[in-house]
Amino acid sequence: MYCYCCSGLLFSKCCQPLLAGEAAAQSCLQLMRSRYSAYCCKNIEYIFQTYHPEQRAANATAQIAEFANTVHFVGLSITDCPENMAIAGSNNGVVSFVASYINDNKLETLTETSRFEFNQRWYYYDGATRITATTIGRNDNCPCGSGKKFKRCAPHLMSGTPAAHLT
């Protein structure tokens, strides 16, 4: 199974060891990708624990779970990750990305520039976000990449599935 984070790697070689607590993120980019995968897997505890401790009170697990359980993620694209900000030797990091998900009959895109802090391990601190939504018509192709019309696509393909493997 390919990783939800759209890295093109197998889940077992990419985000799964982080979500299982078998490894720690070595960069803010790796942490951001694993948090996206955690949303896809509905691993609420991982998402909560990777928030910076100062930010946890404002991000209750119930809110995280409500979002994760409401939407279906269909894609992740990294738009910017300055190399000097993405290594464990730096105390701060920035990653910009676009996450796409289906929410009811809308394709929503969350564009975010996330801030991270390294304090013995990487933590997500906060982000500047913008969400746009486009209604998906019943006869439109499903944005999950299945090739089916939206009205006939259930369940949707998981995020990270390469189009070449859709046969």
C-alpha atoms as a PDB file:
ATOM      1  CA  MET A   1       0.000   0.000   0.000  1.00  0.00           C
ATOM      2  CA  TYR A   2       1.317   3.409  -0.974  1.00  0.00           C
ATOM      3  CA  CYS A   3       1.653   6.102   1.662  1.00  0.00           C
ATOM      4  CA  TYR A   4      -1.234   8.497   2.132  1.00  0.00           C
ATOM      5  CA  CYS A   5       1.181  11.476   2.038  1.00  0.00           C
ATOM      6  CA  CYS A   6       1.676  11.094  -1.741  1.00  0.00           C
ATOM      7  CA  SER A   7       5.433  10.517  -1.384  1.00  0.00           C
ATOM      8  CA  GLY A   8       5.285   7.563  -3.773  1.00  0.00           C
ATOM      9  CA  LEU A   9       6.789   5.330  -1.072  1.00  0.00           C
ATOM     10  CA  LEU A  10       5.163   2.391   0.617  1.00  0.00           C
ATOM     11  CA  PHE A  11       3.275   3.330   3.787  1.00  0.00           C
ATOM     12  CA  SER A  12       5.394   0.832   5.773  1.00  0.00           C
ATOM     13  CA  LYS A  13       8.584   2.640   4.630  1.00  0.00           C
ATOM     14  CA  CYS A  14       7.259   6.188   4.965  1.00  0.00           C
ATOM     15  CA  CYS A  15       4.765   7.416   7.582  1.00  0.00           C
ATOM     16  CA  GLN A  16       3.643   4.191   9.276  1.00  0.00           C
ATOM     17  CA  PRO A  17       6.714   3.888  11.567  1.00  0.00           C
ATOM     18  CA  LEU A  18       6.104   7.440  12.791  1.00  0.00           C
ATOM     19  CA  LEU A  19       2.393   6.888  13.382  1.00  0.00           C
ATOM     20  CA  ALA A  20       3.169   3.647  15.227  1.00  0.00           C
ATOM     21  CA  GLY A  21       5.703   5.379  17.496  1.00  0.00           C
ATOM     22  CA  GLU A  22       8.579   3.302  16.118  1.00  0.00           C
ATOM     23  CA  ALA A  23      10.438   6.345  14.756  1.00  0.00           C
ATOM     24  CA  ALA A  24      10.536  10.109  15.204  1.00  0.00           C
ATOM     25  CA  ALA A  25      10.326  12.655  12.405  1.00  0.00           C
ATOM     26  CA  GLN A  26      13.788  13.745  11.291  1.00  0.00           C
ATOM     27  CA  SER A  27      12.553  16.961   9.672  1.00  0.00           C
ATOM     28  CA  CYS A  28       9.564  19.270   9.778  1.00  0.00           C
ATOM     29  CA  LEU A  29       8.681  18.071   6.264  1.00  0.00           C
ATOM     30  CA  GLN A  30       8.585  14.473   7.453  1.00  0.00           C
ATOM     31  CA  LEU A  31       6.437  15.487  10.431  1.00  0.00           C
ATOM     32  CA  MET A  32       4.030  17.420   8.201  1.00  0.00           C
ATOM     33  CA  ARG A  33       3.675  14.454   5.833  1.00  0.00           C
ATOM     34  CA  SER A  34       3.078  12.087   8.760  1.00  0.00           C
ATOM     35  CA  ARG A  35       0.420  14.390  10.222  1.00  0.00           C
ATOM     36  CA  TYR A  36      -1.374  14.349   6.869  1.00  0.00           C
ATOM     37  CA  SER A  37      -1.209  10.529   6.868  1.00  0.00           C
ATOM     38  CA  ALA A  38      -2.489  10.517  10.448  1.00  0.00           C
ATOM     39  CA  TYR A  39      -5.534  12.526   9.342  1.00  0.00           C
ATOM     40  CA  CYS A  40      -6.125   9.993   6.545  1.00  0.00           C
ATOM     41  CA  CYS A  41      -5.831   7.109   9.036  1.00  0.00           C
ATOM     42  CA  LYS A  42      -7.823   8.997  11.676  1.00  0.00           C
ATOM     43  CA  ASN A  43      -4.944   8.613  14.137  1.00  0.00           C
ATOM     44  CA  ILE A  44      -6.175  11.427  16.381  1.00  0.00           C
ATOM     45  CA  GLU A  45      -3.724  10.787  19.217  1.00  0.00           C
ATOM     46  CA  TYR A  46      -0.710  11.142  16.897  1.00  0.00           C
ATOM     47  CA  ILE A  47      -2.008  14.440  15.542  1.00  0.00           C
ATOM     48  CA  PHE A  48      -2.617  15.743  19.059  1.00  0.00           C
ATOM     49  CA  GLN A  49       0.786  14.609  20.373  1.00  0.00           C
ATOM     50  CA  THR A  50       2.628  16.264  17.481  1.00  0.00           C
ATOM     51  CA  TYR A  51       1.138  19.667  18.264  1.00  0.00           C
ATOM     52  CA  HIS A  52       3.590  21.872  20.122  1.00  0.00           C
ATOM     53  CA  PRO A  53       2.751  21.574  23.859  1.00  0.00           C
ATOM     54  CA  GLU A  54       1.845  25.282  23.942  1.00  0.00           C
ATOM     55  CA  GLN A  55      -0.781  24.683  21.230  1.00  0.00           C
ATOM     56  CA  ARG A  56      -2.462  21.521  22.546  1.00  0.00           C
ATOM     57  CA  ALA A  57      -5.073  23.267  24.718  1.00  0.00           C
ATOM     58  CA  ALA A  58      -6.423  25.117  21.680  1.00  0.00           C
ATOM     59  CA  ASN A  59      -6.606  21.918  19.603  1.00  0.00           C
ATOM     60  CA  ALA A  60      -8.780  19.417  21.437  1.00  0.00           C
ATOM     61  CA  THR A  61      -8.878  15.827  20.247  1.00  0.00           C
ATOM     62  CA  ALA A  62     -12.649  16.101  19.706  1.00  0.00           C
ATOM     63  CA  GLN A  63     -12.122  18.880  17.127  1.00  0.00           C
ATOM     64  CA  ILE A  64      -9.355  16.925  15.415  1.00  0.00           C
ATOM     65  CA  ALA A  65     -11.512  13.780  15.299  1.00  0.00           C
ATOM     66  CA  GLU A  66     -14.534  15.652  13.950  1.00  0.00           C
ATOM     67  CA  PHE A  67     -12.531  17.007  11.008  1.00  0.00           C
ATOM     68  CA  ALA A  68     -10.725  13.713  10.311  1.00  0.00           C
ATOM     69  CA  ASN A  69     -13.977  11.754  10.410  1.00  0.00           C
ATOM     70  CA  THR A  70     -15.904  14.203   8.214  1.00  0.00           C
ATOM     71  CA  VAL A  71     -13.643  14.513   5.169  1.00  0.00           C
ATOM     72  CA  HIS A  72     -11.929  12.161   2.714  1.00  0.00           C
ATOM     73  CA  PHE A  73      -8.397  13.261   1.824  1.00  0.00           C
ATOM     74  CA  VAL A  74      -7.491  12.844  -1.841  1.00  0.00           C
ATOM     75  CA  GLY A  75      -4.115  14.516  -2.258  1.00  0.00           C
ATOM     76  CA  LEU A  76      -1.140  16.347  -0.822  1.00  0.00           C
ATOM     77  CA  SER A  77       1.262  18.599  -2.662  1.00  0.00           C
ATOM     78  CA  ILE A  78       4.310  20.256  -1.090  1.00  0.00           C
ATOM     79  CA  THR A  79       4.676  23.763  -2.506  1.00  0.00           C
ATOM     80  CA  ASP A  80       7.695  24.998  -0.521  1.00  0.00           C
ATOM     81  CA  CYS A  81      10.082  23.640   2.065  1.00  0.00           C
ATOM     82  CA  PRO A  82      13.307  25.621   2.362  1.00  0.00           C
ATOM     83  CA  GLU A  83      16.065  23.057   2.929  1.00  0.00           C
ATOM     84  CA  ASN A  84      17.772  25.101   5.622  1.00  0.00           C
ATOM     85  CA  MET A  85      14.498  25.129   7.599  1.00  0.00           C
ATOM     86  CA  ALA A  86      13.793  21.406   7.332  1.00  0.00           C
ATOM     87  CA  ILE A  87      16.682  19.813   9.199  1.00  0.00           C
ATOM     88  CA  ALA A  88      16.818  18.746  12.824  1.00  0.00           C
ATOM     89  CA  GLY A  89      19.804  21.056  13.467  1.00  0.00           C
ATOM     90  CA  SER A  90      17.538  24.089  13.080  1.00  0.00           C
ATOM     91  CA  ASN A  91      15.102  25.036  15.857  1.00  0.00           C
ATOM     92  CA  ASN A  92      12.376  26.254  13.487  1.00  0.00           C
ATOM     93  CA  GLY A  93      10.945  25.075  10.218  1.00  0.00           C
ATOM     94  CA  VAL A  94       8.427  26.067   7.597  1.00  0.00           C
ATOM     95  CA  VAL A  95       6.545  23.881   5.125  1.00  0.00           C
ATOM     96  CA  SER A  96       3.972  25.102   2.615  1.00  0.00           C
ATOM     97  CA  PHE A  97       1.511  22.618   1.164  1.00  0.00           C
ATOM     98  CA  VAL A  98      -1.878  22.078  -0.412  1.00  0.00           C
ATOM     99  CA  ALA A  99      -4.108  19.301   0.940  1.00  0.00           C
ATOM    100  CA  SER A 100      -7.200  18.353  -1.039  1.00  0.00           C
ATOM    101  CA  TYR A 101     -10.194  16.587   0.426  1.00  0.00           C
ATOM    102  CA  ILE A 102     -13.816  15.793  -0.307  1.00  0.00           C
ATOM    103  CA  ASN A 103     -16.302  17.260   2.139  1.00  0.00           C
ATOM    104  CA  ASP A 104     -19.876  16.323   1.230  1.00  0.00           C
ATOM    105  CA  ASN A 105     -20.204  17.269  -2.451  1.00  0.00           C
ATOM    106  CA  LYS A 106     -17.341  19.766  -2.446  1.00  0.00           C
ATOM    107  CA  LEU A 107     -13.663  19.509  -3.246  1.00  0.00           C
ATOM    108  CA  GLU A 108     -11.913  21.635  -0.660  1.00  0.00           C
ATOM    109  CA  THR A 109      -8.285  22.668  -0.878  1.00  0.00           C
ATOM    110  CA  LEU A 110      -6.469  23.729   2.238  1.00  0.00           C
ATOM    111  CA  THR A 111      -3.418  25.827   1.424  1.00  0.00           C
ATOM    112  CA  GLU A 112      -1.168  26.258   4.436  1.00  0.00           C
ATOM    113  CA  THR A 113       2.212  27.573   5.429  1.00  0.00           C
ATOM    114  CA  SER A 114       2.995  25.650   8.602  1.00  0.00           C
ATOM    115  CA  ARG A 115       5.466  26.565  11.311  1.00  0.00           C
ATOM    116  CA  PHE A 116       7.363  23.905  13.219  1.00  0.00           C
ATOM    117  CA  GLU A 117       9.656  23.953  16.224  1.00  0.00           C
ATOM    118  CA  PHE A 118      12.369  21.509  17.198  1.00  0.00           C
ATOM    119  CA  ASN A 119      12.697  20.834  20.934  1.00  0.00           C
ATOM    120  CA  GLN A 120      14.228  17.357  21.283  1.00  0.00           C
ATOM    121  CA  ARG A 121      11.839  16.407  18.455  1.00  0.00           C
ATOM    122  CA  TRP A 122       9.800  18.220  15.798  1.00  0.00           C
ATOM    123  CA  TYR A 123       6.413  19.725  16.712  1.00  0.00           C
ATOM    124  CA  TYR A 124       3.768  21.433  14.599  1.00  0.00           C
ATOM    125  CA  TYR A 125       3.280  24.933  16.011  1.00  0.00           C
ATOM    126  CA  ASP A 126       0.678  26.628  13.809  1.00  0.00           C
ATOM    127  CA  GLY A 127      -0.083  27.636  10.273  1.00  0.00           C
ATOM    128  CA  ALA A 128      -1.554  30.317   8.068  1.00  0.00           C
ATOM    129  CA  THR A 129      -4.362  28.643   6.144  1.00  0.00           C
ATOM    130  CA  ARG A 130      -6.708  29.383   3.297  1.00  0.00           C
ATOM    131  CA  ILE A 131      -9.515  27.036   2.298  1.00  0.00           C
ATOM    132  CA  THR A 132     -11.293  27.135  -1.032  1.00  0.00           C
ATOM    133  CA  ALA A 133     -14.215  24.942  -2.054  1.00  0.00           C
ATOM    134  CA  THR A 134     -15.593  23.858  -5.402  1.00  0.00           C
ATOM    135  CA  THR A 135     -18.871  21.992  -5.777  1.00  0.00           C
ATOM    136  CA  ILE A 136     -18.468  18.597  -7.435  1.00  0.00           C
ATOM    137  CA  GLY A 137     -21.222  17.838  -9.918  1.00  0.00           C
ATOM    138  CA  ARG A 138     -22.782  14.370  -9.878  1.00  0.00           C
ATOM    139  CA  ASN A 139     -21.477  13.698 -13.405  1.00  0.00           C
ATOM    140  CA  ASP A 140     -18.009  15.205 -12.803  1.00  0.00           C
ATOM    141  CA  ASN A 141     -15.051  12.868 -12.501  1.00  0.00           C
ATOM    142  CA  CYS A 142     -14.376  12.118  -8.862  1.00  0.00           C
ATOM    143  CA  PRO A 143     -11.401  14.108  -7.551  1.00  0.00           C
ATOM    144  CA  CYS A 144     -10.048  10.977  -5.822  1.00  0.00           C
ATOM    145  CA  GLY A 145      -8.608   9.888  -9.189  1.00  0.00           C
ATOM    146  CA  SER A 146     -10.671   6.703  -9.573  1.00  0.00           C
ATOM    147  CA  GLY A 147     -11.821   7.691 -13.055  1.00  0.00           C
ATOM    148  CA  LYS A 148     -15.444   7.182 -11.999  1.00  0.00           C
ATOM    149  CA  LYS A 149     -18.157   9.798 -11.999  1.00  0.00           C
ATOM    150  CA  PHE A 150     -18.594  11.374  -8.566  1.00  0.00           C
ATOM    151  CA  LYS A 151     -22.127   9.948  -8.172  1.00  0.00           C
ATOM    152  CA  ARG A 152     -20.770   6.406  -8.616  1.00  0.00           C
ATOM    153  CA  CYS A 153     -17.581   6.683  -6.591  1.00  0.00           C
ATOM    154  CA  ALA A 154     -17.877   5.210  -3.132  1.00  0.00           C
ATOM    155  CA  PRO A 155     -15.649   4.439  -1.417  1.00  0.00           C
ATOM    156  CA  HIS A 156     -13.143   6.894  -2.810  1.00  0.00           C
ATOM    157  CA  LEU A 157      -9.552   5.896  -3.486  1.00  0.00           C
ATOM    158  CA  MET A 158      -7.202   6.503  -0.621  1.00  0.00           C
ATOM    159  CA  SER A 159      -4.873   9.449  -0.827  1.00  0.00           C
ATOM    160  CA  GLY A 160      -1.471   8.585  -2.276  1.00  0.00           C
ATOM    161  CA  THR A 161      -2.666   5.924  -4.724  1.00  0.00           C
ATOM    162  CA  PRO A 162      -0.662   6.483  -7.921  1.00  0.00           C
ATOM    163  CA  ALA A 163      -2.841   6.869 -11.016  1.00  0.00           C
ATOM    164  CA  ALA A 164      -0.677   4.258 -12.807  1.00  0.00           C
ATOM    165  CA  HIS A 165      -1.981   1.619 -10.390  1.00  0.00           C
ATOM    166  CA  LEU A 166      -5.654   2.247 -11.206  1.00  0.00           C
ATOM    167  CA  THR A 167      -6.690  -0.580 -13.464  1.00  0.00           C
END
